[in-house]
């Protein structure tokens, strides 16, 4: 009984952390719905472990633990894919920002060089 309460508390806390707003979330509603469904399924599988075995037998998997493992593998791969896409987007943004900074820096150096030439070429 205590382990069930601890597991449910852990699932709820981690789920709340995952569903909080992080700023530029373009798919926040979908992520919250999927996280909510995952949290509900996790709580139900903690409270009723035989339910997971029943679902596993229903879909043709031998044991509930195997079904859970397969689901976690898919979730892990989806998470890796999402992180990879975010990293690529971040790298593109950093490259664009570095180019803009370099262009601004070059323009500033050119302007200061031309103003210094004007001062030395004065009357």
PDB file of N, CA and C in Angstrom:
ATOM      1  N   UNK A   1       0.820  -1.206   0.000  1.00  0.00           N
ATOM      2  CA  UNK A   1       0.000   0.000   0.000  1.00  0.00           C
ATOM      3  C   UNK A   1       0.854   1.256   0.000  1.00  0.00           C
ATOM      4  N   UNK A   2       1.917   1.286   0.844  1.00  0.00           N
ATOM      5  CA  UNK A   2       2.763   2.481   0.895  1.00  0.00           C
ATOM      6  C   UNK A   2       3.491   2.721  -0.413  1.00  0.00           C
ATOM      7  N   UNK A   3       3.948   1.624  -1.032  1.00  0.00           N
ATOM      8  CA  UNK A   3       4.664   1.779  -2.298  1.00  0.00           C
ATOM      9  C   UNK A   3       3.738   2.341  -3.366  1.00  0.00           C
ATOM     10  N   UNK A   4       2.477   1.953  -3.331  1.00  0.00           N
ATOM     11  CA  UNK A   4       1.526   2.501  -4.295  1.00  0.00           C
ATOM     12  C   UNK A   4       1.365   4.005  -4.104  1.00  0.00           C
ATOM     13  N   UNK A   5       1.244   4.438  -2.857  1.00  0.00           N
ATOM     14  CA  UNK A   5       1.111   5.874  -2.597  1.00  0.00           C
ATOM     15  C   UNK A   5       2.352   6.637  -3.032  1.00  0.00           C
ATOM     16  N   UNK A   6       3.527   6.083  -2.762  1.00  0.00           N
ATOM     17  CA  UNK A   6       4.766   6.743  -3.176  1.00  0.00           C
ATOM     18  C   UNK A   6       4.883   6.807  -4.701  1.00  0.00           C
ATOM     19  N   UNK A   7       4.541   5.722  -5.377  1.00  0.00           N
ATOM     20  CA  UNK A   7       4.595   5.709  -6.835  1.00  0.00           C
ATOM     21  C   UNK A   7       3.602   6.688  -7.446  1.00  0.00           C
ATOM     22  N   UNK A   8       2.385   6.729  -6.911  1.00  0.00           N
ATOM     23  CA  UNK A   8       1.377   7.666  -7.424  1.00  0.00           C
ATOM     24  C   UNK A   8       1.828   9.102  -7.189  1.00  0.00           C
ATOM     25  N   UNK A   9       2.372   9.391  -6.009  1.00  0.00           N
ATOM     26  CA  UNK A   9       2.871  10.743  -5.731  1.00  0.00           C
ATOM     27  C   UNK A   9       3.984  11.111  -6.705  1.00  0.00           C
ATOM     28  N   UNK A  10       4.887  10.176  -6.972  1.00  0.00           N
ATOM     29  CA  UNK A  10       5.966  10.432  -7.924  1.00  0.00           C
ATOM     30  C   UNK A  10       5.454  10.700  -9.318  1.00  0.00           C
ATOM     31  N   UNK A  11       4.482   9.920  -9.759  1.00  0.00           N
ATOM     32  CA  UNK A  11       3.900  10.105 -11.090  1.00  0.00           C
ATOM     33  C   UNK A  11       3.211  11.466 -11.183  1.00  0.00           C
ATOM     34  N   UNK A  12       2.465  11.827 -10.161  1.00  0.00           N
ATOM     35  CA  UNK A  12       1.746  13.117 -10.178  1.00  0.00           C
ATOM     36  C   UNK A  12       2.730  14.285 -10.179  1.00  0.00           C
ATOM     37  N   UNK A  13       3.772  14.213  -9.363  1.00  0.00           N
ATOM     38  CA  UNK A  13       4.749  15.310  -9.291  1.00  0.00           C
ATOM     39  C   UNK A  13       5.492  15.460 -10.616  1.00  0.00           C
ATOM     40  N   UNK A  14       5.973  14.353 -11.162  1.00  0.00           N
ATOM     41  CA  UNK A  14       6.691  14.424 -12.431  1.00  0.00           C
ATOM     42  C   UNK A  14       5.751  14.868 -13.550  1.00  0.00           C
ATOM     43  N   UNK A  15       4.518  14.387 -13.529  1.00  0.00           N
ATOM     44  CA  UNK A  15       3.542  14.816 -14.530  1.00  0.00           C
ATOM     45  C   UNK A  15       3.254  16.299 -14.450  1.00  0.00           C
ATOM     46  N   UNK A  16       3.149  16.833 -13.244  1.00  0.00           N
ATOM     47  CA  UNK A  16       2.918  18.274 -13.089  1.00  0.00           C
ATOM     48  C   UNK A  16       4.103  19.071 -13.613  1.00  0.00           C
ATOM     49  N   UNK A  17       5.303  18.582 -13.363  1.00  0.00           N
ATOM     50  CA  UNK A  17       6.485  19.273 -13.876  1.00  0.00           C
ATOM     51  C   UNK A  17       6.538  19.234 -15.399  1.00  0.00           C
ATOM     52  N   UNK A  18       6.140  18.124 -15.985  1.00  0.00           N
ATOM     53  CA  UNK A  18       6.156  18.000 -17.441  1.00  0.00           C
ATOM     54  C   UNK A  18       5.093  18.861 -18.113  1.00  0.00           C
ATOM     55  N   UNK A  19       3.977  19.091 -17.431  1.00  0.00           N
ATOM     56  CA  UNK A  19       2.876  19.821 -18.053  1.00  0.00           C
ATOM     57  C   UNK A  19       2.924  21.325 -17.824  1.00  0.00           C
ATOM     58  N   UNK A  20       3.880  21.814 -17.059  1.00  0.00           N
ATOM     59  CA  UNK A  20       3.934  23.260 -16.844  1.00  0.00           C
ATOM     60  C   UNK A  20       4.415  23.958 -18.112  1.00  0.00           C
ATOM     61  N   UNK A  21       4.054  25.199 -18.228  1.00  0.00           N
ATOM     62  CA  UNK A  21       4.385  25.988 -19.412  1.00  0.00           C
ATOM     63  C   UNK A  21       5.864  26.361 -19.380  1.00  0.00           C
ATOM     64  N   UNK A  22       6.524  26.187 -20.536  1.00  0.00           N
ATOM     65  CA  UNK A  22       7.948  26.490 -20.605  1.00  0.00           C
ATOM     66  C   UNK A  22       8.255  27.680 -21.496  1.00  0.00           C
ATOM     67  N   UNK A  23       7.269  28.346 -22.025  1.00  0.00           N
ATOM     68  CA  UNK A  23       7.526  29.531 -22.833  1.00  0.00           C
ATOM     69  C   UNK A  23       7.013  29.370 -24.246  1.00  0.00           C
ATOM     70  N   UNK A  24       7.844  28.857 -25.128  1.00  0.00           N
ATOM     71  CA  UNK A  24       7.507  28.797 -26.549  1.00  0.00           C
ATOM     72  C   UNK A  24       6.972  27.422 -26.932  1.00  0.00           C
ATOM     73  N   UNK A  25       5.961  26.969 -26.265  1.00  0.00           N
ATOM     74  CA  UNK A  25       5.388  25.657 -26.571  1.00  0.00           C
ATOM     75  C   UNK A  25       4.319  25.806 -27.646  1.00  0.00           C
ATOM     76  N   UNK A  26       4.615  25.286 -28.817  1.00  0.00           N
ATOM     77  CA  UNK A  26       3.648  25.398 -29.905  1.00  0.00           C
ATOM     78  C   UNK A  26       2.607  24.284 -29.860  1.00  0.00           C
ATOM     79  N   UNK A  27       2.911  23.201 -29.202  1.00  0.00           N
ATOM     80  CA  UNK A  27       1.982  22.070 -29.125  1.00  0.00           C
ATOM     81  C   UNK A  27       1.622  21.776 -27.668  1.00  0.00           C
ATOM     82  N   UNK A  28       1.411  22.815 -26.895  1.00  0.00           N
ATOM     83  CA  UNK A  28       1.188  22.656 -25.458  1.00  0.00           C
ATOM     84  C   UNK A  28      -0.067  21.842 -25.152  1.00  0.00           C
ATOM     85  N   UNK A  29      -1.162  22.091 -25.854  1.00  0.00           N
ATOM     86  CA  UNK A  29      -2.420  21.383 -25.570  1.00  0.00           C
ATOM     87  C   UNK A  29      -2.277  19.890 -25.847  1.00  0.00           C
ATOM     88  N   UNK A  30      -1.651  19.532 -26.957  1.00  0.00           N
ATOM     89  CA  UNK A  30      -1.469  18.122 -27.290  1.00  0.00           C
ATOM     90  C   UNK A  30      -0.558  17.460 -26.261  1.00  0.00           C
ATOM     91  N   UNK A  31       0.510  18.157 -25.884  1.00  0.00           N
ATOM     92  CA  UNK A  31       1.434  17.597 -24.899  1.00  0.00           C
ATOM     93  C   UNK A  31       0.751  17.401 -23.551  1.00  0.00           C
ATOM     94  N   UNK A  32      -0.077  18.351 -23.160  1.00  0.00           N
ATOM     95  CA  UNK A  32      -0.791  18.217 -21.886  1.00  0.00           C
ATOM     96  C   UNK A  32      -1.792  17.075 -21.920  1.00  0.00           C
ATOM     97  N   UNK A  33      -2.487  16.901 -23.038  1.00  0.00           N
ATOM     98  CA  UNK A  33      -3.445  15.802 -23.150  1.00  0.00           C
ATOM     99  C   UNK A  33      -2.732  14.454 -23.074  1.00  0.00           C
ATOM    100  N   UNK A  34      -1.647  14.306 -23.825  1.00  0.00           N
ATOM    101  CA  UNK A  34      -0.915  13.040 -23.809  1.00  0.00           C
ATOM    102  C   UNK A  34      -0.287  12.781 -22.446  1.00  0.00           C
ATOM    103  N   UNK A  35       0.232  13.835 -21.818  1.00  0.00           N
ATOM    104  CA  UNK A  35       0.804  13.665 -20.480  1.00  0.00           C
ATOM    105  C   UNK A  35      -0.272  13.272 -19.483  1.00  0.00           C
ATOM    106  N   UNK A  36      -1.437  13.877 -19.591  1.00  0.00           N
ATOM    107  CA  UNK A  36      -2.543  13.538 -18.700  1.00  0.00           C
ATOM    108  C   UNK A  36      -2.982  12.095 -18.871  1.00  0.00           C
ATOM    109  N   UNK A  37      -3.064  11.634 -20.117  1.00  0.00           N
ATOM    110  CA  UNK A  37      -3.416  10.235 -20.368  1.00  0.00           C
ATOM    111  C   UNK A  37      -2.351   9.294 -19.825  1.00  0.00           C
ATOM    112  N   UNK A  38      -1.095   9.667 -19.985  1.00  0.00           N
ATOM    113  CA  UNK A  38      -0.015   8.837 -19.466  1.00  0.00           C
ATOM    114  C   UNK A  38      -0.065   8.760 -17.939  1.00  0.00           C
ATOM    115  N   UNK A  39      -0.320   9.903 -17.312  1.00  0.00           N
ATOM    116  CA  UNK A  39      -0.415   9.933 -15.845  1.00  0.00           C
ATOM    117  C   UNK A  39      -1.570   9.067 -15.370  1.00  0.00           C
ATOM    118  N   UNK A  40      -2.710   9.175 -16.032  1.00  0.00           N
ATOM    119  CA  UNK A  40      -3.872   8.362 -15.670  1.00  0.00           C
ATOM    120  C   UNK A  40      -3.568   6.871 -15.832  1.00  0.00           C
ATOM    121  N   UNK A  41      -2.943   6.511 -16.952  1.00  0.00           N
ATOM    122  CA  UNK A  41      -2.600   5.099 -17.172  1.00  0.00           C
ATOM    123  C   UNK A  41      -1.594   4.614 -16.135  1.00  0.00           C
ATOM    124  N   UNK A  42      -0.627   5.468 -15.778  1.00  0.00           N
ATOM    125  CA  UNK A  42       0.367   5.073 -14.772  1.00  0.00           C
ATOM    126  C   UNK A  42      -0.292   4.853 -13.415  1.00  0.00           C
ATOM    127  N   UNK A  43      -1.189   5.755 -13.043  1.00  0.00           N
ATOM    128  CA  UNK A  43      -1.869   5.609 -11.744  1.00  0.00           C
ATOM    129  C   UNK A  43      -2.740   4.360 -11.729  1.00  0.00           C
ATOM    130  N   UNK A  44      -3.464   4.117 -12.825  1.00  0.00           N
ATOM    131  CA  UNK A  44      -4.311   2.919 -12.892  1.00  0.00           C
ATOM    132  C   UNK A  44      -3.475   1.642 -12.848  1.00  0.00           C
ATOM    133  N   UNK A  45      -2.314   1.652 -13.517  1.00  0.00           N
ATOM    134  CA  UNK A  45      -1.488   0.437 -13.499  1.00  0.00           C
ATOM    135  C   UNK A  45      -0.834   0.223 -12.136  1.00  0.00           C
ATOM    136  N   UNK A  46      -0.647   1.303 -11.369  1.00  0.00           N
ATOM    137  CA  UNK A  46      -0.122   1.151 -10.009  1.00  0.00           C
ATOM    138  C   UNK A  46      -1.210   0.612  -9.086  1.00  0.00           C
ATOM    139  N   UNK A  47      -2.410   1.166  -9.210  1.00  0.00           N
ATOM    140  CA  UNK A  47      -3.513   0.733  -8.345  1.00  0.00           C
ATOM    141  C   UNK A  47      -4.024  -0.658  -8.701  1.00  0.00           C
ATOM    142  N   UNK A  48      -4.074  -0.952 -10.005  1.00  0.00           N
ATOM    143  CA  UNK A  48      -4.618  -2.226 -10.472  1.00  0.00           C
ATOM    144  C   UNK A  48      -3.612  -2.899 -11.406  1.00  0.00           C
ATOM    145  N   UNK A  49      -2.580  -3.543 -10.857  1.00  0.00           N
ATOM    146  CA  UNK A  49      -1.548  -4.151 -11.714  1.00  0.00           C
ATOM    147  C   UNK A  49      -2.100  -5.231 -12.643  1.00  0.00           C
ATOM    148  N   UNK A  50      -3.160  -5.887 -12.244  1.00  0.00           N
ATOM    149  CA  UNK A  50      -3.755  -6.912 -13.093  1.00  0.00           C
ATOM    150  C   UNK A  50      -4.365  -6.296 -14.354  1.00  0.00           C
ATOM    151  N   UNK A  51      -4.703  -5.023 -14.298  1.00  0.00           N
ATOM    152  CA  UNK A  51      -5.258  -4.320 -15.461  1.00  0.00           C
ATOM    153  C   UNK A  51      -4.236  -4.299 -16.600  1.00  0.00           C
ATOM    154  N   UNK A  52      -2.974  -4.052 -16.276  1.00  0.00           N
ATOM    155  CA  UNK A  52      -1.929  -4.008 -17.292  1.00  0.00           C
ATOM    156  C   UNK A  52      -1.739  -5.389 -17.930  1.00  0.00           C
ATOM    157  N   UNK A  53      -1.820  -6.433 -17.135  1.00  0.00           N
ATOM    158  CA  UNK A  53      -1.718  -7.794 -17.682  1.00  0.00           C
ATOM    159  C   UNK A  53      -2.912  -8.100 -18.581  1.00  0.00           C
ATOM    160  N   UNK A  54      -4.094  -7.640 -18.184  1.00  0.00           N
ATOM    161  CA  UNK A  54      -5.292  -7.845 -19.005  1.00  0.00           C
ATOM    162  C   UNK A  54      -5.158  -7.141 -20.349  1.00  0.00           C
ATOM    163  N   UNK A  55      -4.679  -5.892 -20.323  1.00  0.00           N
ATOM    164  CA  UNK A  55      -4.486  -5.143 -21.574  1.00  0.00           C
ATOM    165  C   UNK A  55      -3.421  -5.823 -22.430  1.00  0.00           C
ATOM    166  N   UNK A  56      -2.345  -6.309 -21.798  1.00  0.00           N
ATOM    167  CA  UNK A  56      -1.293  -7.002 -22.546  1.00  0.00           C
ATOM    168  C   UNK A  56      -1.843  -8.243 -23.232  1.00  0.00           C
ATOM    169  N   UNK A  57      -2.629  -9.030 -22.533  1.00  0.00           N
ATOM    170  CA  UNK A  57      -3.231 -10.219 -23.146  1.00  0.00           C
ATOM    171  C   UNK A  57      -4.198  -9.843 -24.251  1.00  0.00           C
ATOM    172  N   UNK A  58      -4.887  -8.729 -24.078  1.00  0.00           N
ATOM    173  CA  UNK A  58      -5.842  -8.260 -25.078  1.00  0.00           C
ATOM    174  C   UNK A  58      -5.147  -7.910 -26.391  1.00  0.00           C
ATOM    175  N   UNK A  59      -3.964  -7.314 -26.320  1.00  0.00           N
ATOM    176  CA  UNK A  59      -3.258  -6.907 -27.536  1.00  0.00           C
ATOM    177  C   UNK A  59      -2.258  -7.955 -28.014  1.00  0.00           C
ATOM    178  N   UNK A  60      -2.153  -9.090 -27.306  1.00  0.00           N
ATOM    179  CA  UNK A  60      -1.308 -10.176 -27.769  1.00  0.00           C
ATOM    180  C   UNK A  60       0.101 -10.195 -27.208  1.00  0.00           C
ATOM    181  N   UNK A  61       0.335  -9.466 -26.121  1.00  0.00           N
ATOM    182  CA  UNK A  61       1.636  -9.485 -25.454  1.00  0.00           C
ATOM    183  C   UNK A  61       1.496 -10.405 -24.254  1.00  0.00           C
ATOM    184  N   UNK A  62       2.553 -11.154 -23.971  1.00  0.00           N
ATOM    185  CA  UNK A  62       2.475 -12.161 -22.914  1.00  0.00           C
ATOM    186  C   UNK A  62       2.215 -11.614 -21.532  1.00  0.00           C
ATOM    187  N   UNK A  63       2.954 -10.605 -21.106  1.00  0.00           N
ATOM    188  CA  UNK A  63       2.837 -10.100 -19.736  1.00  0.00           C
ATOM    189  C   UNK A  63       2.667  -8.587 -19.745  1.00  0.00           C
ATOM    190  N   UNK A  64       2.139  -8.080 -18.656  1.00  0.00           N
ATOM    191  CA  UNK A  64       1.958  -6.642 -18.518  1.00  0.00           C
ATOM    192  C   UNK A  64       3.279  -5.898 -18.448  1.00  0.00           C
ATOM    193  N   UNK A  65       4.282  -6.532 -17.839  1.00  0.00           N
ATOM    194  CA  UNK A  65       5.594  -5.884 -17.754  1.00  0.00           C
ATOM    195  C   UNK A  65       6.225  -5.740 -19.134  1.00  0.00           C
ATOM    196  N   UNK A  66       5.994  -6.723 -20.005  1.00  0.00           N
ATOM    197  CA  UNK A  66       6.499  -6.619 -21.374  1.00  0.00           C
ATOM    198  C   UNK A  66       5.825  -5.471 -22.111  1.00  0.00           C
ATOM    199  N   UNK A  67       4.522  -5.349 -21.943  1.00  0.00           N
ATOM    200  CA  UNK A  67       3.788  -4.252 -22.572  1.00  0.00           C
ATOM    201  C   UNK A  67       4.302  -2.908 -22.067  1.00  0.00           C
ATOM    202  N   UNK A  68       4.537  -2.825 -20.772  1.00  0.00           N
ATOM    203  CA  UNK A  68       5.074  -1.592 -20.194  1.00  0.00           C
ATOM    204  C   UNK A  68       6.446  -1.278 -20.778  1.00  0.00           C
ATOM    205  N   UNK A  69       7.297  -2.277 -20.904  1.00  0.00           N
ATOM    206  CA  UNK A  69       8.630  -2.079 -21.485  1.00  0.00           C
ATOM    207  C   UNK A  69       8.528  -1.597 -22.924  1.00  0.00           C
ATOM    208  N   UNK A  70       7.670  -2.199 -23.725  1.00  0.00           N
ATOM    209  CA  UNK A  70       7.509  -1.788 -25.115  1.00  0.00           C
ATOM    210  C   UNK A  70       7.032  -0.336 -25.201  1.00  0.00           C
ATOM    211  N   UNK A  71       6.085   0.006 -24.340  1.00  0.00           N
ATOM    212  CA  UNK A  71       5.597   1.390 -24.324  1.00  0.00           C
ATOM    213  C   UNK A  71       6.677   2.383 -23.924  1.00  0.00           C
ATOM    214  N   UNK A  72       7.496   2.000 -22.949  1.00  0.00           N
ATOM    215  CA  UNK A  72       8.587   2.885 -22.518  1.00  0.00           C
ATOM    216  C   UNK A  72       9.651   3.032 -23.597  1.00  0.00           C
ATOM    217  N   UNK A  73       9.919   1.971 -24.344  1.00  0.00           N
ATOM    218  CA  UNK A  73      10.880   2.067 -25.441  1.00  0.00           C
ATOM    219  C   UNK A  73      10.377   3.039 -26.499  1.00  0.00           C
ATOM    220  N   UNK A  74       9.105   2.952 -26.836  1.00  0.00           N
ATOM    221  CA  UNK A  74       8.527   3.866 -27.828  1.00  0.00           C
ATOM    222  C   UNK A  74       8.547   5.299 -27.305  1.00  0.00           C
ATOM    223  N   UNK A  75       8.198   5.490 -26.042  1.00  0.00           N
ATOM    224  CA  UNK A  75       8.225   6.835 -25.457  1.00  0.00           C
ATOM    225  C   UNK A  75       9.645   7.392 -25.435  1.00  0.00           C
ATOM    226  N   UNK A  76      10.625   6.546 -25.131  1.00  0.00           N
ATOM    227  CA  UNK A  76      12.018   6.976 -25.110  1.00  0.00           C
ATOM    228  C   UNK A  76      12.477   7.391 -26.505  1.00  0.00           C
ATOM    229  N   UNK A  77      12.147   6.593 -27.514  1.00  0.00           N
ATOM    230  CA  UNK A  77      12.534   6.940 -28.878  1.00  0.00           C
ATOM    231  C   UNK A  77      11.854   8.221 -29.348  1.00  0.00           C
ATOM    232  N   UNK A  78      10.597   8.409 -28.978  1.00  0.00           N
ATOM    233  CA  UNK A  78       9.900   9.648 -29.326  1.00  0.00           C
ATOM    234  C   UNK A  78      10.551  10.846 -28.646  1.00  0.00           C
ATOM    235  N   UNK A  79      10.966  10.661 -27.413  1.00  0.00           N
ATOM    236  CA  UNK A  79      11.641  11.732 -26.688  1.00  0.00           C
ATOM    237  C   UNK A  79      12.984  12.057 -27.332  1.00  0.00           C
ATOM    238  N   UNK A  80      13.733  11.027 -27.723  1.00  0.00           N
ATOM    239  CA  UNK A  80      15.003  11.260 -28.416  1.00  0.00           C
ATOM    240  C   UNK A  80      14.800  12.029 -29.713  1.00  0.00           C
ATOM    241  N   UNK A  81      13.788  11.652 -30.478  1.00  0.00           N
ATOM    242  CA  UNK A  81      13.503  12.335 -31.733  1.00  0.00           C
ATOM    243  C   UNK A  81      13.144  13.797 -31.496  1.00  0.00           C
ATOM    244  N   UNK A  82      12.307  14.047 -30.495  1.00  0.00           N
ATOM    245  CA  UNK A  82      11.908  15.421 -30.179  1.00  0.00           C
ATOM    246  C   UNK A  82      13.112  16.249 -29.762  1.00  0.00           C
ATOM    247  N   UNK A  83      13.956  15.700 -28.908  1.00  0.00           N
ATOM    248  CA  UNK A  83      15.158  16.419 -28.470  1.00  0.00           C
ATOM    249  C   UNK A  83      16.095  16.690 -29.639  1.00  0.00           C
ATOM    250  N   UNK A  84      16.221  15.730 -30.537  1.00  0.00           N
ATOM    251  CA  UNK A  84      17.075  15.916 -31.710  1.00  0.00           C
ATOM    252  C   UNK A  84      16.567  17.076 -32.561  1.00  0.00           C
ATOM    253  N   UNK A  85      15.260  17.113 -32.788  1.00  0.00           N
ATOM    254  CA  UNK A  85      14.674  18.214 -33.582  1.00  0.00           C
ATOM    255  C   UNK A  85      14.881  19.558 -32.896  1.00  0.00           C
ATOM    256  N   UNK A  86      14.707  19.599 -31.581  1.00  0.00           N
ATOM    257  CA  UNK A  86      14.921  20.852 -30.848  1.00  0.00           C
ATOM    258  C   UNK A  86      16.373  21.294 -30.915  1.00  0.00           C
ATOM    259  N   UNK A  87      17.303  20.343 -30.799  1.00  0.00           N
ATOM    260  CA  UNK A  87      18.721  20.681 -30.883  1.00  0.00           C
ATOM    261  C   UNK A  87      19.081  21.225 -32.255  1.00  0.00           C
ATOM    262  N   UNK A  88      18.528  20.632 -33.317  1.00  0.00           N
ATOM    263  CA  UNK A  88      18.786  21.149 -34.660  1.00  0.00           C
ATOM    264  C   UNK A  88      18.254  22.569 -34.814  1.00  0.00           C
ATOM    265  N   UNK A  89      17.066  22.823 -34.319  1.00  0.00           N
ATOM    266  CA  UNK A  89      16.492  24.170 -34.406  1.00  0.00           C
ATOM    267  C   UNK A  89      17.326  25.165 -33.611  1.00  0.00           C
ATOM    268  N   UNK A  90      17.790  24.768 -32.447  1.00  0.00           N
ATOM    269  CA  UNK A  90      18.630  25.651 -31.629  1.00  0.00           C
ATOM    270  C   UNK A  90      19.955  25.935 -32.330  1.00  0.00           C
ATOM    271  N   UNK A  91      20.551  24.921 -32.936  1.00  0.00           N
ATOM    272  CA  UNK A  91      21.807  25.126 -33.662  1.00  0.00           C
ATOM    273  C   UNK A  91      21.615  26.080 -34.829  1.00  0.00           C
ATOM    274  N   UNK A  92      20.500  25.965 -35.529  1.00  0.00           N
ATOM    275  CA  UNK A  92      20.219  26.901 -36.628  1.00  0.00           C
ATOM    276  C   UNK A  92      20.079  28.323 -36.107  1.00  0.00           C
ATOM    277  N   UNK A  93      19.381  28.500 -34.997  1.00  0.00           N
ATOM    278  CA  UNK A  93      19.213  29.832 -34.424  1.00  0.00           C
ATOM    279  C   UNK A  93      20.550  30.415 -33.988  1.00  0.00           C
ATOM    280  N   UNK A  94      21.390  29.610 -33.377  1.00  0.00           N
ATOM    281  CA  UNK A  94      22.702  30.092 -32.938  1.00  0.00           C
ATOM    282  C   UNK A  94      23.547  30.489 -34.144  1.00  0.00           C
ATOM    283  N   UNK A  95      23.493  29.713 -35.219  1.00  0.00           N
ATOM    284  CA  UNK A  95      24.244  30.046 -36.429  1.00  0.00           C
ATOM    285  C   UNK A  95      23.777  31.376 -37.006  1.00  0.00           C
ATOM    286  N   UNK A  96      22.453  31.570 -37.085  1.00  0.00           N
ATOM    287  CA  UNK A  96      21.927  32.836 -37.611  1.00  0.00           C
ATOM    288  C   UNK A  96      22.320  34.017 -36.729  1.00  0.00           C
ATOM    289  N   UNK A  97      22.239  33.828 -35.421  1.00  0.00           N
ATOM    290  CA  UNK A  97      22.638  34.900 -34.515  1.00  0.00           C
ATOM    291  C   UNK A  97      24.125  35.216 -34.628  1.00  0.00           C
ATOM    292  N   UNK A  98      24.953  34.196 -34.755  1.00  0.00           N
ATOM    293  CA  UNK A  98      26.393  34.419 -34.899  1.00  0.00           C
ATOM    294  C   UNK A  98      26.695  35.183 -36.187  1.00  0.00           C
ATOM    295  N   UNK A  99      25.989  34.857 -37.260  1.00  0.00           N
ATOM    296  CA  UNK A  99      26.175  35.584 -38.520  1.00  0.00           C
ATOM    297  C   UNK A  99      25.769  37.044 -38.368  1.00  0.00           C
ATOM    298  N   UNK A 100      24.639  37.294 -37.723  1.00  0.00           N
ATOM    299  CA  UNK A 100      24.188  38.674 -37.536  1.00  0.00           C
ATOM    300  C   UNK A 100      25.161  39.463 -36.681  1.00  0.00           C
ATOM    301  N   UNK A 101      25.660  38.850 -35.622  1.00  0.00           N
ATOM    302  CA  UNK A 101      26.623  39.532 -34.755  1.00  0.00           C
ATOM    303  C   UNK A 101      27.904  39.831 -35.527  1.00  0.00           C
ATOM    304  N   UNK A 102      28.352  38.876 -36.342  1.00  0.00           N
ATOM    305  CA  UNK A 102      29.569  39.092 -37.130  1.00  0.00           C
ATOM    306  C   UNK A 102      29.377  40.223 -38.127  1.00  0.00           C
ATOM    307  N   UNK A 103      28.212  40.267 -38.779  1.00  0.00           N
ATOM    308  CA  UNK A 103      27.944  41.348 -39.731  1.00  0.00           C
ATOM    309  C   UNK A 103      27.862  42.707 -39.032  1.00  0.00           C
ATOM    310  N   UNK A 104      27.200  42.752 -37.885  1.00  0.00           N
ATOM    311  CA  UNK A 104      27.119  44.003 -37.133  1.00  0.00           C
ATOM    312  C   UNK A 104      28.491  44.450 -36.648  1.00  0.00           C
ATOM    313  N   UNK A 105      29.286  43.503 -36.188  1.00  0.00           N
ATOM    314  CA  UNK A 105      30.629  43.812 -35.711  1.00  0.00           C
ATOM    315  C   UNK A 105      31.493  44.332 -36.856  1.00  0.00           C
ATOM    316  N   UNK A 106      31.385  43.697 -38.028  1.00  0.00           N
ATOM    317  CA  UNK A 106      32.155  44.149 -39.189  1.00  0.00           C
ATOM    318  C   UNK A 106      31.713  45.543 -39.619  1.00  0.00           C
ATOM    319  N   UNK A 107      30.420  45.798 -39.611  1.00  0.00           N
ATOM    320  CA  UNK A 107      29.923  47.128 -39.987  1.00  0.00           C
ATOM    321  C   UNK A 107      30.388  48.179 -38.988  1.00  0.00           C
ATOM    322  N   UNK A 108      30.409  47.830 -37.706  1.00  0.00           N
ATOM    323  CA  UNK A 108      30.860  48.769 -36.678  1.00  0.00           C
ATOM    324  C   UNK A 108      32.351  49.065 -36.838  1.00  0.00           C
ATOM    325  N   UNK A 109      33.147  48.055 -37.111  1.00  0.00           N
ATOM    326  CA  UNK A 109      34.582  48.262 -37.323  1.00  0.00           C
ATOM    327  C   UNK A 109      34.843  49.096 -38.570  1.00  0.00           C
ATOM    328  N   UNK A 110      34.045  48.861 -39.605  1.00  0.00           N
ATOM    329  CA  UNK A 110      34.193  49.633 -40.835  1.00  0.00           C
ATOM    330  C   UNK A 110      33.842  51.094 -40.600  1.00  0.00           C
ATOM    331  N   UNK A 111      32.771  51.334 -39.832  1.00  0.00           N
ATOM    332  CA  UNK A 111      32.365  52.711 -39.541  1.00  0.00           C
ATOM    333  C   UNK A 111      33.417  53.409 -38.694  1.00  0.00           C
ATOM    334  N   UNK A 112      33.971  52.730 -37.707  1.00  0.00           N
ATOM    335  CA  UNK A 112      34.987  53.364 -36.865  1.00  0.00           C
ATOM    336  C   UNK A 112      36.278  53.578 -37.640  1.00  0.00           C
ATOM    337  N   UNK A 113      36.606  52.707 -38.566  1.00  0.00           N
ATOM    338  CA  UNK A 113      37.804  52.876 -39.387  1.00  0.00           C
ATOM    339  C   UNK A 113      37.643  54.055 -40.333  1.00  0.00           C
ATOM    340  N   UNK A 114      36.460  54.224 -40.904  1.00  0.00           N
ATOM    341  CA  UNK A 114      36.248  55.345 -41.818  1.00  0.00           C
ATOM    342  C   UNK A 114      36.210  56.671 -41.060  1.00  0.00           C
ATOM    343  N   UNK A 115      35.685  56.678 -39.845  1.00  0.00           N
ATOM    344  CA  UNK A 115      35.684  57.925 -39.076  1.00  0.00           C
ATOM    345  C   UNK A 115      37.094  58.274 -38.607  1.00  0.00           C
ATOM    346  N   UNK A 116      37.906  57.267 -38.317  1.00  0.00           N
ATOM    347  CA  UNK A 116      39.295  57.528 -37.941  1.00  0.00           C
ATOM    348  C   UNK A 116      40.069  58.050 -39.131  1.00  0.00           C
ATOM    349  N   UNK A 117      39.761  57.562 -40.323  1.00  0.00           N
ATOM    350  CA  UNK A 117      40.437  58.059 -41.537  1.00  0.00           C
ATOM    351  C   UNK A 117      40.037  59.495 -41.797  1.00  0.00           C
ATOM    352  N   UNK A 118      38.778  59.864 -41.516  1.00  0.00           N
ATOM    353  CA  UNK A 118      38.324  61.226 -41.699  1.00  0.00           C
ATOM    354  C   UNK A 118      39.060  62.174 -40.764  1.00  0.00           C
ATOM    355  N   UNK A 119      39.324  61.756 -39.544  1.00  0.00           N
ATOM    356  CA  UNK A 119      40.003  62.601 -38.562  1.00  0.00           C
ATOM    357  C   UNK A 119      41.454  62.823 -38.975  1.00  0.00           C
ATOM    358  N   UNK A 120      42.111  61.811 -39.481  1.00  0.00           N
ATOM    359  CA  UNK A 120      43.520  61.969 -39.889  1.00  0.00           C
ATOM    360  C   UNK A 120      43.660  62.722 -41.209  1.00  0.00           C
ATOM    361  N   UNK A 121      42.656  62.655 -42.045  1.00  0.00           N
ATOM    362  CA  UNK A 121      42.682  63.365 -43.321  1.00  0.00           C
ATOM    363  C   UNK A 121      42.147  64.775 -43.206  1.00  0.00           C
ATOM    364  N   UNK A 122      41.845  65.223 -42.026  1.00  0.00           N
ATOM    365  CA  UNK A 122      41.240  66.545 -41.781  1.00  0.00           C
ATOM    366  C   UNK A 122      42.056  67.709 -42.355  1.00  0.00           C
ATOM    367  N   UNK A 123      41.659  68.980 -42.046  1.00  0.00           N
ATOM    368  CA  UNK A 123      42.229  70.185 -42.666  1.00  0.00           C
ATOM    369  C   UNK A 123      43.658  70.357 -42.414  1.00  0.00           C
TER     370      UNK A 123
END
